[in-house]
N, C-alpha and C. Protein backbone atom coordinates (compact mmCIF):
# COMPACT_ATOMS: atom_id res chain seq x y z
N MET A 1 -195.63 -1.63 48.29
CA MET A 1 -195.10 -0.44 47.63
C MET A 1 -194.57 -0.80 46.24
N THR A 2 -194.94 0.00 45.25
CA THR A 2 -194.53 -0.28 43.88
C THR A 2 -193.05 0.06 43.68
N THR A 3 -192.29 -0.89 43.14
CA THR A 3 -190.89 -0.65 42.79
C THR A 3 -190.84 -0.18 41.35
N ARG A 4 -190.35 1.03 41.14
CA ARG A 4 -190.35 1.60 39.79
C ARG A 4 -188.98 1.43 39.14
N ALA A 5 -189.00 1.44 37.82
CA ALA A 5 -187.78 1.11 37.06
C ALA A 5 -186.73 2.22 37.11
N TYR A 6 -187.15 3.45 37.37
CA TYR A 6 -186.17 4.53 37.44
C TYR A 6 -186.67 5.63 38.36
N SER A 7 -185.74 6.47 38.79
CA SER A 7 -186.03 7.52 39.75
C SER A 7 -186.95 8.58 39.15
N GLN A 8 -187.77 9.18 40.00
CA GLN A 8 -188.65 10.26 39.57
C GLN A 8 -187.86 11.44 39.04
N LEU A 9 -186.58 11.53 39.40
CA LEU A 9 -185.73 12.62 38.93
C LEU A 9 -185.65 12.65 37.40
N TYR A 10 -185.81 11.48 36.76
CA TYR A 10 -185.71 11.38 35.31
C TYR A 10 -187.08 11.45 34.61
N LEU A 11 -188.15 11.47 35.40
CA LEU A 11 -189.48 11.35 34.81
C LEU A 11 -189.85 12.52 33.91
N ASN A 12 -189.53 13.73 34.33
CA ASN A 12 -189.90 14.89 33.51
C ASN A 12 -189.19 14.86 32.16
N LYS A 13 -187.92 14.51 32.16
CA LYS A 13 -187.17 14.45 30.89
C LYS A 13 -187.71 13.34 30.00
N SER A 14 -187.96 12.19 30.61
CA SER A 14 -188.47 11.06 29.84
C SER A 14 -189.84 11.35 29.25
N SER A 15 -190.74 11.92 30.06
CA SER A 15 -192.10 12.18 29.58
C SER A 15 -192.12 13.27 28.52
N ARG A 16 -191.25 14.26 28.65
CA ARG A 16 -191.17 15.30 27.61
C ARG A 16 -190.67 14.72 26.30
N ALA A 17 -189.68 13.83 26.38
CA ALA A 17 -189.14 13.23 25.16
C ALA A 17 -190.20 12.40 24.44
N VAL A 18 -190.98 11.61 25.19
CA VAL A 18 -192.02 10.80 24.55
C VAL A 18 -193.14 11.69 24.00
N GLY A 19 -193.47 12.76 24.73
CA GLY A 19 -194.46 13.70 24.22
C GLY A 19 -194.00 14.35 22.93
N ASN A 20 -192.74 14.78 22.89
CA ASN A 20 -192.19 15.39 21.68
C ASN A 20 -192.11 14.39 20.53
N MET A 21 -191.78 13.13 20.86
CA MET A 21 -191.72 12.07 19.85
C MET A 21 -193.08 11.89 19.18
N LEU A 22 -194.13 11.83 20.00
CA LEU A 22 -195.47 11.63 19.44
C LEU A 22 -195.92 12.86 18.65
N HIS A 23 -195.55 14.03 19.13
CA HIS A 23 -195.86 15.27 18.40
C HIS A 23 -195.22 15.24 17.01
N ASP A 24 -193.96 14.84 16.95
CA ASP A 24 -193.28 14.75 15.66
C ASP A 24 -194.02 13.80 14.72
N ALA A 25 -194.36 12.63 15.23
CA ALA A 25 -195.01 11.62 14.39
C ALA A 25 -196.33 12.11 13.82
N VAL A 26 -197.15 12.71 14.67
CA VAL A 26 -198.51 13.09 14.26
C VAL A 26 -198.55 14.46 13.59
N SER A 27 -197.93 15.46 14.23
CA SER A 27 -198.06 16.83 13.75
C SER A 27 -197.07 17.19 12.64
N GLU A 28 -195.88 16.60 12.69
CA GLU A 28 -194.87 16.94 11.69
C GLU A 28 -194.84 15.97 10.51
N PHE A 29 -195.11 14.68 10.78
CA PHE A 29 -195.01 13.68 9.72
C PHE A 29 -196.36 13.10 9.31
N GLY A 30 -197.44 13.57 9.92
CA GLY A 30 -198.78 13.20 9.47
C GLY A 30 -199.20 11.77 9.74
N MET A 31 -198.58 11.13 10.71
CA MET A 31 -198.95 9.76 11.02
C MET A 31 -200.15 9.74 11.97
N LYS A 32 -200.88 8.64 11.97
CA LYS A 32 -201.95 8.45 12.94
C LYS A 32 -201.34 8.08 14.28
N GLY A 33 -201.84 8.69 15.35
CA GLY A 33 -201.28 8.43 16.66
C GLY A 33 -201.31 6.96 17.04
N THR A 34 -202.43 6.30 16.75
CA THR A 34 -202.56 4.88 17.07
C THR A 34 -201.52 4.06 16.35
N ASP A 35 -201.33 4.34 15.06
CA ASP A 35 -200.37 3.59 14.25
C ASP A 35 -198.94 3.80 14.75
N PHE A 36 -198.62 5.04 15.06
CA PHE A 36 -197.24 5.28 15.51
C PHE A 36 -196.97 4.64 16.86
N LEU A 37 -197.93 4.70 17.77
CA LEU A 37 -197.72 4.09 19.09
C LEU A 37 -197.56 2.58 18.98
N GLU A 38 -198.20 1.96 18.01
CA GLU A 38 -197.97 0.53 17.76
C GLU A 38 -196.53 0.31 17.33
N ARG A 39 -196.02 1.20 16.50
CA ARG A 39 -194.61 1.10 16.08
C ARG A 39 -193.67 1.32 17.28
N PHE A 40 -194.03 2.26 18.12
CA PHE A 40 -193.26 2.55 19.33
C PHE A 40 -193.10 1.29 20.18
N ILE A 41 -194.18 0.54 20.32
CA ILE A 41 -194.14 -0.71 21.11
C ILE A 41 -193.36 -1.79 20.37
N GLN A 42 -193.61 -1.94 19.06
CA GLN A 42 -192.95 -2.98 18.27
C GLN A 42 -191.44 -2.75 18.18
N SER A 43 -191.02 -1.51 18.21
CA SER A 43 -189.60 -1.17 18.00
C SER A 43 -188.72 -1.53 19.19
N ASN A 44 -189.33 -1.81 20.33
CA ASN A 44 -188.63 -2.08 21.58
C ASN A 44 -188.15 -0.81 22.28
N VAL A 45 -188.41 0.35 21.69
CA VAL A 45 -188.07 1.60 22.36
C VAL A 45 -188.92 1.76 23.62
N ALA A 46 -190.20 1.38 23.53
CA ALA A 46 -191.08 1.44 24.70
C ALA A 46 -190.51 0.60 25.84
N LYS A 47 -190.03 -0.59 25.51
CA LYS A 47 -189.47 -1.49 26.53
C LYS A 47 -188.25 -0.89 27.20
N GLN A 48 -187.43 -0.19 26.42
CA GLN A 48 -186.23 0.43 26.99
C GLN A 48 -186.61 1.49 28.03
N ILE A 49 -187.67 2.23 27.76
CA ILE A 49 -188.14 3.24 28.71
C ILE A 49 -188.76 2.57 29.92
N GLU A 50 -189.56 1.54 29.70
CA GLU A 50 -190.16 0.80 30.81
C GLU A 50 -189.09 0.24 31.75
N ASN A 51 -187.97 -0.17 31.18
CA ASN A 51 -186.88 -0.77 31.98
C ASN A 51 -185.95 0.28 32.59
N GLY A 52 -186.18 1.55 32.26
CA GLY A 52 -185.35 2.62 32.83
C GLY A 52 -183.97 2.72 32.25
N ASN A 53 -183.80 2.33 30.98
CA ASN A 53 -182.50 2.44 30.33
C ASN A 53 -182.09 3.92 30.26
N PRO A 54 -181.00 4.32 30.91
CA PRO A 54 -180.62 5.73 30.96
C PRO A 54 -180.48 6.37 29.58
N LYS A 55 -180.05 5.61 28.61
CA LYS A 55 -179.89 6.12 27.26
C LYS A 55 -181.20 6.63 26.70
N TYR A 56 -182.31 6.00 27.13
CA TYR A 56 -183.62 6.35 26.58
C TYR A 56 -184.40 7.31 27.47
N ILE A 57 -184.25 7.22 28.78
CA ILE A 57 -185.02 8.09 29.65
C ILE A 57 -184.36 9.45 29.87
N ALA A 58 -183.07 9.54 29.54
CA ALA A 58 -182.38 10.80 29.79
C ALA A 58 -181.45 11.22 28.66
N GLY A 59 -181.17 10.32 27.74
CA GLY A 59 -180.13 10.61 26.74
C GLY A 59 -180.61 10.91 25.34
N LYS A 60 -181.91 10.76 25.08
CA LYS A 60 -182.42 10.97 23.72
C LYS A 60 -183.52 12.03 23.69
N SER A 61 -183.52 12.81 22.64
CA SER A 61 -184.59 13.79 22.45
C SER A 61 -185.80 13.11 21.84
N GLY A 62 -186.92 13.82 21.79
CA GLY A 62 -188.11 13.26 21.16
C GLY A 62 -187.88 12.92 19.71
N LEU A 63 -187.17 13.79 19.00
CA LEU A 63 -186.89 13.54 17.59
C LEU A 63 -186.03 12.30 17.42
N GLU A 64 -185.04 12.14 18.28
CA GLU A 64 -184.18 10.95 18.20
C GLU A 64 -184.97 9.68 18.47
N LEU A 65 -185.91 9.73 19.42
CA LEU A 65 -186.76 8.57 19.67
C LEU A 65 -187.63 8.26 18.45
N PHE A 66 -188.21 9.30 17.86
CA PHE A 66 -189.03 9.12 16.66
C PHE A 66 -188.23 8.45 15.56
N LEU A 67 -187.03 8.96 15.29
CA LEU A 67 -186.22 8.43 14.21
C LEU A 67 -185.84 6.97 14.46
N GLU A 68 -185.55 6.64 15.72
CA GLU A 68 -185.19 5.25 16.04
C GLU A 68 -186.38 4.32 15.86
N VAL A 69 -187.55 4.76 16.31
CA VAL A 69 -188.76 3.94 16.13
C VAL A 69 -189.00 3.66 14.65
N MET A 70 -188.89 4.67 13.82
CA MET A 70 -189.15 4.50 12.39
C MET A 70 -188.09 3.62 11.73
N GLU A 71 -186.84 3.80 12.12
CA GLU A 71 -185.78 2.98 11.52
C GLU A 71 -185.95 1.52 11.89
N LYS A 72 -186.31 1.27 13.16
CA LYS A 72 -186.44 -0.11 13.61
C LYS A 72 -187.69 -0.80 13.05
N THR A 73 -188.71 -0.05 12.71
CA THR A 73 -189.95 -0.67 12.21
C THR A 73 -190.09 -0.63 10.70
N THR A 74 -189.28 0.19 10.04
CA THR A 74 -189.36 0.25 8.57
C THR A 74 -188.06 -0.19 7.90
N GLY A 75 -186.96 -0.18 8.67
CA GLY A 75 -185.66 -0.51 8.08
C GLY A 75 -185.06 0.64 7.31
N GLU A 76 -185.74 1.79 7.33
CA GLU A 76 -185.27 2.95 6.58
C GLU A 76 -184.72 4.01 7.53
N THR A 77 -183.71 4.73 7.08
CA THR A 77 -183.14 5.82 7.86
C THR A 77 -183.78 7.13 7.42
N TYR A 78 -184.35 7.85 8.35
CA TYR A 78 -184.98 9.13 8.05
C TYR A 78 -183.95 10.24 8.23
N ASN A 79 -183.84 11.08 7.22
CA ASN A 79 -182.97 12.24 7.32
C ASN A 79 -183.86 13.47 7.48
N THR A 80 -183.70 14.17 8.58
CA THR A 80 -184.54 15.33 8.82
C THR A 80 -183.75 16.39 9.56
N GLU A 81 -184.06 17.65 9.26
CA GLU A 81 -183.44 18.77 9.95
C GLU A 81 -184.48 19.47 10.81
N LEU A 82 -185.51 18.72 11.20
CA LEU A 82 -186.58 19.28 12.02
C LEU A 82 -186.01 19.84 13.31
N ILE A 83 -186.40 21.06 13.63
CA ILE A 83 -185.98 21.70 14.87
C ILE A 83 -187.09 21.52 15.89
N GLU A 84 -186.75 20.98 17.04
CA GLU A 84 -187.76 20.70 18.04
C GLU A 84 -188.22 21.99 18.74
N SER A 85 -189.48 22.30 18.54
CA SER A 85 -190.08 23.46 19.19
C SER A 85 -191.57 23.17 19.34
N TYR A 86 -192.02 22.94 20.56
CA TYR A 86 -193.36 22.39 20.76
C TYR A 86 -194.26 23.35 21.53
N ASP A 87 -195.54 23.26 21.23
CA ASP A 87 -196.51 24.15 21.85
C ASP A 87 -197.36 23.42 22.89
N ARG A 88 -196.91 22.26 23.34
CA ARG A 88 -197.64 21.47 24.34
C ARG A 88 -199.05 21.17 23.88
N SER A 89 -199.16 20.60 22.69
CA SER A 89 -200.45 20.27 22.09
C SER A 89 -201.09 19.08 22.77
N ASP A 90 -202.32 18.75 22.35
CA ASP A 90 -202.99 17.58 22.91
C ASP A 90 -202.22 16.31 22.58
N VAL A 91 -201.60 16.26 21.41
CA VAL A 91 -200.81 15.09 21.02
C VAL A 91 -199.59 14.95 21.93
N TYR A 92 -198.91 16.06 22.16
CA TYR A 92 -197.77 16.05 23.08
C TYR A 92 -198.21 15.54 24.46
N TRP A 93 -199.36 16.03 24.93
CA TRP A 93 -199.85 15.67 26.25
C TRP A 93 -200.09 14.17 26.37
N VAL A 94 -200.60 13.54 25.32
CA VAL A 94 -200.84 12.10 25.35
C VAL A 94 -199.54 11.35 25.61
N GLY A 95 -198.49 11.70 24.89
CA GLY A 95 -197.20 11.04 25.10
C GLY A 95 -196.64 11.32 26.48
N TRP A 96 -196.79 12.56 26.92
CA TRP A 96 -196.32 12.96 28.25
C TRP A 96 -197.06 12.19 29.33
N MET A 97 -198.38 12.12 29.22
CA MET A 97 -199.19 11.44 30.23
C MET A 97 -198.95 9.93 30.21
N LEU A 98 -198.83 9.34 29.02
CA LEU A 98 -198.55 7.91 28.92
C LEU A 98 -197.29 7.54 29.71
N THR A 99 -196.27 8.36 29.57
CA THR A 99 -195.00 8.08 30.23
C THR A 99 -195.12 8.24 31.74
N HIS A 100 -195.82 9.30 32.15
CA HIS A 100 -196.05 9.48 33.59
C HIS A 100 -196.82 8.29 34.16
N TYR A 101 -197.87 7.86 33.48
CA TYR A 101 -198.69 6.78 34.03
C TYR A 101 -197.96 5.44 33.98
N GLN A 102 -197.15 5.23 32.95
CA GLN A 102 -196.37 4.00 32.86
C GLN A 102 -195.41 3.92 34.05
N TRP A 103 -194.77 5.05 34.35
CA TRP A 103 -193.84 5.10 35.49
C TRP A 103 -194.59 4.87 36.80
N TYR A 104 -195.70 5.54 36.96
CA TYR A 104 -196.49 5.47 38.20
C TYR A 104 -197.06 4.08 38.44
N SER A 105 -197.61 3.47 37.39
CA SER A 105 -198.34 2.21 37.55
C SER A 105 -197.48 0.97 37.38
N ASN A 106 -196.34 1.13 36.69
CA ASN A 106 -195.48 -0.02 36.34
C ASN A 106 -196.14 -0.92 35.30
N CYS A 107 -197.23 -0.48 34.71
CA CYS A 107 -197.85 -1.22 33.61
C CYS A 107 -197.03 -0.98 32.34
N THR A 108 -197.12 -1.87 31.39
CA THR A 108 -196.44 -1.65 30.12
C THR A 108 -197.22 -0.62 29.29
N PHE A 109 -196.53 0.02 28.37
CA PHE A 109 -197.22 0.94 27.46
C PHE A 109 -198.33 0.19 26.71
N LYS A 110 -198.05 -1.05 26.33
CA LYS A 110 -199.03 -1.83 25.59
C LYS A 110 -200.29 -2.07 26.41
N SER A 111 -200.12 -2.46 27.68
CA SER A 111 -201.32 -2.74 28.48
C SER A 111 -202.12 -1.47 28.74
N ILE A 112 -201.43 -0.33 28.87
CA ILE A 112 -202.15 0.94 29.05
C ILE A 112 -202.96 1.26 27.81
N LEU A 113 -202.34 1.14 26.64
CA LEU A 113 -203.03 1.48 25.39
C LEU A 113 -204.09 0.45 25.02
N ASP A 114 -203.92 -0.78 25.48
CA ASP A 114 -204.97 -1.78 25.27
C ASP A 114 -206.22 -1.42 26.08
N THR A 115 -206.00 -0.79 27.23
CA THR A 115 -207.09 -0.43 28.13
C THR A 115 -207.73 0.90 27.77
N ILE A 116 -206.90 1.87 27.44
CA ILE A 116 -207.40 3.19 27.05
C ILE A 116 -206.61 3.67 25.83
N PRO A 117 -207.15 3.46 24.64
CA PRO A 117 -206.43 3.75 23.39
C PRO A 117 -206.13 5.23 23.19
N TYR A 118 -205.28 5.48 22.25
CA TYR A 118 -204.85 6.84 21.91
C TYR A 118 -206.04 7.78 21.71
N ASP A 119 -207.02 7.36 20.94
CA ASP A 119 -208.17 8.23 20.63
C ASP A 119 -208.93 8.63 21.89
N GLU A 120 -208.97 7.77 22.88
CA GLU A 120 -209.64 8.09 24.14
C GLU A 120 -208.78 9.00 25.00
N LEU A 121 -207.45 8.83 24.95
CA LEU A 121 -206.55 9.70 25.70
C LEU A 121 -206.62 11.13 25.18
N ILE A 122 -206.72 11.28 23.87
CA ILE A 122 -206.83 12.61 23.27
C ILE A 122 -208.05 13.34 23.82
N VAL A 123 -209.15 12.62 23.97
CA VAL A 123 -210.39 13.22 24.48
C VAL A 123 -210.21 13.72 25.92
N LEU A 124 -209.38 13.03 26.70
CA LEU A 124 -209.17 13.41 28.10
C LEU A 124 -208.35 14.70 28.25
N TYR A 125 -207.69 15.10 27.18
CA TYR A 125 -206.82 16.28 27.23
C TYR A 125 -207.56 17.51 27.77
N LYS A 126 -208.76 17.75 27.28
CA LYS A 126 -209.50 18.98 27.64
C LYS A 126 -209.76 19.09 29.14
N THR A 127 -210.03 17.96 29.78
CA THR A 127 -210.37 18.00 31.20
C THR A 127 -209.19 17.77 32.13
N LEU A 128 -208.11 17.19 31.61
CA LEU A 128 -207.01 16.80 32.50
C LEU A 128 -205.71 17.57 32.31
N HIS A 129 -205.50 18.24 31.17
CA HIS A 129 -204.17 18.77 30.90
C HIS A 129 -203.77 19.89 31.86
N GLU A 130 -204.74 20.55 32.51
CA GLU A 130 -204.40 21.58 33.48
C GLU A 130 -204.57 21.11 34.92
N ALA A 131 -205.01 19.88 35.09
CA ALA A 131 -205.25 19.33 36.43
C ALA A 131 -203.95 18.81 37.05
N ASP A 132 -203.98 18.61 38.35
CA ASP A 132 -202.85 18.01 39.04
C ASP A 132 -202.61 16.60 38.50
N ILE A 133 -201.35 16.19 38.44
CA ILE A 133 -201.00 14.89 37.87
C ILE A 133 -201.71 13.75 38.59
N GLN A 134 -201.96 13.89 39.87
CA GLN A 134 -202.64 12.83 40.62
C GLN A 134 -204.04 12.59 40.09
N LYS A 135 -204.69 13.64 39.60
CA LYS A 135 -206.03 13.49 39.03
C LYS A 135 -205.98 12.61 37.79
N SER A 136 -204.97 12.80 36.97
CA SER A 136 -204.81 11.96 35.77
C SER A 136 -204.56 10.51 36.16
N TYR A 137 -203.72 10.31 37.19
CA TYR A 137 -203.48 8.95 37.67
C TYR A 137 -204.79 8.29 38.11
N GLU A 138 -205.61 9.04 38.81
CA GLU A 138 -206.87 8.49 39.32
C GLU A 138 -207.81 8.11 38.18
N VAL A 139 -207.87 8.95 37.15
CA VAL A 139 -208.75 8.66 36.01
C VAL A 139 -208.29 7.41 35.28
N LEU A 140 -206.99 7.29 35.05
CA LEU A 140 -206.49 6.11 34.36
C LEU A 140 -206.61 4.86 35.23
N ASP A 141 -206.43 5.02 36.54
CA ASP A 141 -206.63 3.89 37.45
C ASP A 141 -208.06 3.37 37.34
N THR A 142 -209.01 4.28 37.21
CA THR A 142 -210.42 3.89 37.08
C THR A 142 -210.65 3.06 35.83
N HIS A 143 -210.03 3.46 34.73
CA HIS A 143 -210.14 2.68 33.49
C HIS A 143 -209.61 1.27 33.70
N PHE A 144 -208.49 1.15 34.41
CA PHE A 144 -207.90 -0.17 34.64
C PHE A 144 -208.77 -1.02 35.56
N SER A 145 -209.39 -0.40 36.55
CA SER A 145 -210.23 -1.16 37.46
C SER A 145 -211.47 -1.69 36.76
N LYS A 146 -211.92 -0.96 35.73
CA LYS A 146 -213.08 -1.42 34.96
C LYS A 146 -212.69 -2.52 33.98
N SER A 147 -211.41 -2.55 33.61
CA SER A 147 -210.91 -3.56 32.68
C SER A 147 -210.23 -4.66 33.48
N GLU A 148 -211.04 -5.56 34.01
CA GLU A 148 -210.54 -6.59 34.93
C GLU A 148 -209.75 -7.66 34.17
N SER A 149 -208.63 -8.07 34.75
CA SER A 149 -207.83 -9.12 34.13
C SER A 149 -208.58 -10.45 34.19
N LYS A 150 -208.27 -11.33 33.26
CA LYS A 150 -208.92 -12.65 33.23
C LYS A 150 -208.55 -13.47 34.47
N LEU A 151 -207.34 -13.27 34.97
CA LEU A 151 -206.93 -13.98 36.18
C LEU A 151 -207.81 -13.57 37.36
N LYS A 152 -208.04 -12.27 37.49
CA LYS A 152 -208.87 -11.79 38.59
C LYS A 152 -210.30 -12.29 38.45
N THR A 153 -210.83 -12.29 37.22
CA THR A 153 -212.19 -12.78 36.98
C THR A 153 -212.31 -14.25 37.39
N ALA A 154 -211.32 -15.05 36.97
CA ALA A 154 -211.34 -16.48 37.29
C ALA A 154 -211.21 -16.72 38.79
N ARG A 155 -210.36 -15.93 39.44
CA ARG A 155 -210.17 -16.07 40.88
C ARG A 155 -211.46 -15.74 41.64
N LYS A 156 -212.11 -14.65 41.27
CA LYS A 156 -213.35 -14.26 41.92
C LYS A 156 -214.46 -15.28 41.68
N HIS A 157 -214.46 -15.87 40.46
CA HIS A 157 -215.45 -16.89 40.12
C HIS A 157 -215.30 -18.11 41.05
N CYS A 158 -214.06 -18.38 41.44
CA CYS A 158 -213.80 -19.52 42.34
C CYS A 158 -213.96 -19.15 43.81
N GLY A 159 -214.22 -17.87 44.08
CA GLY A 159 -214.41 -17.44 45.45
C GLY A 159 -213.13 -17.42 46.27
N LEU A 160 -212.00 -17.22 45.59
CA LEU A 160 -210.71 -17.21 46.29
C LEU A 160 -210.19 -15.79 46.45
N THR A 161 -209.54 -15.53 47.59
CA THR A 161 -208.81 -14.29 47.75
C THR A 161 -207.46 -14.44 47.05
N GLN A 162 -206.75 -13.34 46.89
CA GLN A 162 -205.41 -13.42 46.30
C GLN A 162 -204.50 -14.28 47.18
N GLU A 163 -204.64 -14.13 48.48
CA GLU A 163 -203.82 -14.91 49.42
C GLU A 163 -204.12 -16.40 49.29
N ALA A 164 -205.41 -16.73 49.15
CA ALA A 164 -205.80 -18.14 49.04
C ALA A 164 -205.27 -18.74 47.74
N LEU A 165 -205.33 -17.97 46.67
CA LEU A 165 -204.81 -18.46 45.39
C LEU A 165 -203.30 -18.66 45.47
N ALA A 166 -202.61 -17.76 46.15
CA ALA A 166 -201.16 -17.89 46.31
C ALA A 166 -200.83 -19.19 47.06
N ASN A 167 -201.56 -19.45 48.13
CA ASN A 167 -201.32 -20.67 48.90
C ASN A 167 -201.64 -21.92 48.10
N LYS A 168 -202.71 -21.87 47.34
CA LYS A 168 -203.17 -23.05 46.61
C LYS A 168 -202.30 -23.35 45.39
N SER A 169 -201.77 -22.30 44.76
CA SER A 169 -201.01 -22.48 43.52
C SER A 169 -199.50 -22.53 43.74
N GLY A 170 -199.04 -21.97 44.86
CA GLY A 170 -197.60 -21.88 45.07
C GLY A 170 -196.97 -20.72 44.33
N VAL A 171 -197.79 -19.88 43.71
CA VAL A 171 -197.30 -18.66 43.05
C VAL A 171 -197.35 -17.54 44.08
N SER A 172 -196.31 -16.71 44.14
CA SER A 172 -196.23 -15.70 45.20
C SER A 172 -197.37 -14.69 45.11
N LEU A 173 -197.75 -14.16 46.26
CA LEU A 173 -198.82 -13.18 46.33
C LEU A 173 -198.49 -11.94 45.51
N ASN A 174 -197.26 -11.45 45.59
CA ASN A 174 -196.87 -10.26 44.83
C ASN A 174 -196.97 -10.50 43.32
N THR A 175 -196.63 -11.72 42.89
CA THR A 175 -196.73 -12.05 41.47
C THR A 175 -198.18 -12.05 41.01
N ILE A 176 -199.05 -12.64 41.80
CA ILE A 176 -200.48 -12.66 41.47
C ILE A 176 -201.03 -11.24 41.40
N ARG A 177 -200.65 -10.42 42.35
CA ARG A 177 -201.11 -9.03 42.35
C ARG A 177 -200.65 -8.29 41.09
N ALA A 178 -199.40 -8.54 40.70
CA ALA A 178 -198.86 -7.87 39.51
C ALA A 178 -199.60 -8.31 38.25
N TYR A 179 -199.92 -9.61 38.14
CA TYR A 179 -200.65 -10.09 36.96
C TYR A 179 -202.09 -9.55 36.95
N GLU A 180 -202.69 -9.44 38.11
CA GLU A 180 -204.07 -8.96 38.16
C GLU A 180 -204.18 -7.48 37.82
N ARG A 181 -203.19 -6.68 38.24
CA ARG A 181 -203.27 -5.26 37.91
C ARG A 181 -202.59 -4.95 36.56
N LYS A 182 -202.08 -6.02 35.93
CA LYS A 182 -201.51 -5.94 34.58
C LYS A 182 -200.20 -5.17 34.52
N SER A 183 -199.52 -5.05 35.65
CA SER A 183 -198.18 -4.47 35.61
C SER A 183 -197.17 -5.50 35.13
N LYS A 184 -197.57 -6.79 35.17
CA LYS A 184 -196.81 -7.87 34.53
C LYS A 184 -197.76 -8.58 33.58
N ASP A 185 -197.22 -9.05 32.46
CA ASP A 185 -198.03 -9.66 31.41
C ASP A 185 -198.09 -11.18 31.61
N LEU A 186 -199.26 -11.69 31.98
CA LEU A 186 -199.42 -13.12 32.21
C LEU A 186 -199.20 -13.91 30.92
N ASN A 187 -199.46 -13.30 29.78
CA ASN A 187 -199.23 -13.97 28.49
C ASN A 187 -197.76 -14.35 28.31
N LYS A 188 -196.86 -13.63 29.00
CA LYS A 188 -195.43 -13.87 28.85
C LYS A 188 -194.83 -14.60 30.06
N ALA A 189 -195.70 -15.07 30.93
CA ALA A 189 -195.23 -15.77 32.13
C ALA A 189 -194.67 -17.15 31.78
N GLN A 190 -193.83 -17.69 32.67
CA GLN A 190 -193.36 -19.06 32.49
C GLN A 190 -194.58 -19.99 32.49
N PHE A 191 -194.55 -20.97 31.62
CA PHE A 191 -195.72 -21.83 31.46
C PHE A 191 -196.06 -22.56 32.75
N ASP A 192 -195.04 -22.88 33.54
CA ASP A 192 -195.28 -23.57 34.81
C ASP A 192 -196.14 -22.72 35.75
N ILE A 193 -195.92 -21.41 35.75
CA ILE A 193 -196.71 -20.51 36.60
C ILE A 193 -198.16 -20.50 36.15
N VAL A 194 -198.37 -20.39 34.83
CA VAL A 194 -199.74 -20.37 34.30
C VAL A 194 -200.44 -21.70 34.59
N MET A 195 -199.70 -22.80 34.45
CA MET A 195 -200.27 -24.12 34.72
C MET A 195 -200.72 -24.24 36.18
N ARG A 196 -199.89 -23.77 37.09
CA ARG A 196 -200.23 -23.86 38.51
C ARG A 196 -201.45 -23.00 38.85
N LEU A 197 -201.52 -21.82 38.24
CA LEU A 197 -202.68 -20.96 38.46
C LEU A 197 -203.95 -21.60 37.89
N ALA A 198 -203.83 -22.15 36.68
CA ALA A 198 -205.00 -22.77 36.04
C ALA A 198 -205.48 -23.98 36.85
N LYS A 199 -204.54 -24.77 37.37
CA LYS A 199 -204.91 -25.94 38.17
C LYS A 199 -205.63 -25.51 39.45
N ALA A 200 -205.11 -24.47 40.09
CA ALA A 200 -205.72 -23.98 41.33
C ALA A 200 -207.11 -23.42 41.08
N LEU A 201 -207.29 -22.83 39.90
CA LEU A 201 -208.57 -22.21 39.55
C LEU A 201 -209.50 -23.16 38.80
N LYS A 202 -209.01 -24.38 38.54
CA LYS A 202 -209.79 -25.41 37.85
C LYS A 202 -210.34 -24.90 36.51
N CYS A 203 -209.41 -24.31 35.74
CA CYS A 203 -209.80 -23.81 34.42
C CYS A 203 -208.71 -24.16 33.41
N ASP A 204 -209.00 -23.96 32.16
CA ASP A 204 -208.02 -24.20 31.10
C ASP A 204 -207.03 -23.04 31.06
N VAL A 205 -205.80 -23.35 30.72
CA VAL A 205 -204.76 -22.32 30.63
C VAL A 205 -205.18 -21.16 29.74
N SER A 206 -205.82 -21.47 28.62
CA SER A 206 -206.21 -20.44 27.65
C SER A 206 -207.18 -19.43 28.25
N GLU A 207 -207.90 -19.82 29.29
CA GLU A 207 -208.88 -18.92 29.90
C GLU A 207 -208.22 -17.80 30.70
N LEU A 208 -206.93 -17.93 30.95
CA LEU A 208 -206.23 -16.92 31.73
C LEU A 208 -205.49 -15.91 30.87
N PHE A 209 -205.28 -16.26 29.61
CA PHE A 209 -204.52 -15.38 28.72
C PHE A 209 -205.38 -14.20 28.27
N GLU A 210 -204.77 -13.01 28.30
CA GLU A 210 -205.44 -11.82 27.81
C GLU A 210 -205.44 -11.84 26.28
N GLN A 211 -206.52 -11.34 25.71
CA GLN A 211 -206.63 -11.30 24.25
C GLN A 211 -205.72 -10.24 23.70
N GLU A 212 -204.94 -10.60 22.70
CA GLU A 212 -204.03 -9.63 22.08
C GLU A 212 -204.83 -8.69 21.20
N THR A 213 -204.48 -7.40 21.28
CA THR A 213 -205.14 -6.41 20.44
C THR A 213 -204.61 -6.51 19.02
N GLU A 214 -205.49 -6.49 18.05
CA GLU A 214 -205.07 -6.60 16.64
C GLU A 214 -204.41 -5.31 16.22
N SER A 215 -203.36 -5.46 15.44
CA SER A 215 -202.66 -4.27 14.94
C SER A 215 -203.18 -3.89 13.57
């Protein structure tokens, strides 16, 4: 069972705030969605939401999130009297859906966007924005299953099950599962863990690291 960072009770507020934040960036300030979402990740605001920080999932409006992202990534303070009033646009939906899927999957915002970028999420709006939320989860799950982690590829190449790799490497089964489904970032793992996995899989450490997306 997936352990999530915060209660579902806060999910609607959190997802609306991120949707409104993205709407402000793209529709009000003319930024490219891809560029702003990179700033969102770089600013550490994304991490605060991933970790379930109450200040971010329940205490800030979309506009406040936008302003914080811009201040942290540009060093400049934005003064705006923008009044938040949204029409649930495709841009809003992308932010809303990203937050729902991040909560559901426990994947980072970065790993989600590395797998299915902003421009592809926008395209999904027409077919998914009126569908049940579970349908959106299923579609994004499919994208992740097609984007296999390097750890999973190496494990399958060696003919090992997850359980066998856990026994051979001494790394816990739950940890291996998390790295394979990308809910945890193997690039940021303790080096000892990566070394043990590489030794068990008889490969070089570098072969297990996911390629960083260029900004």
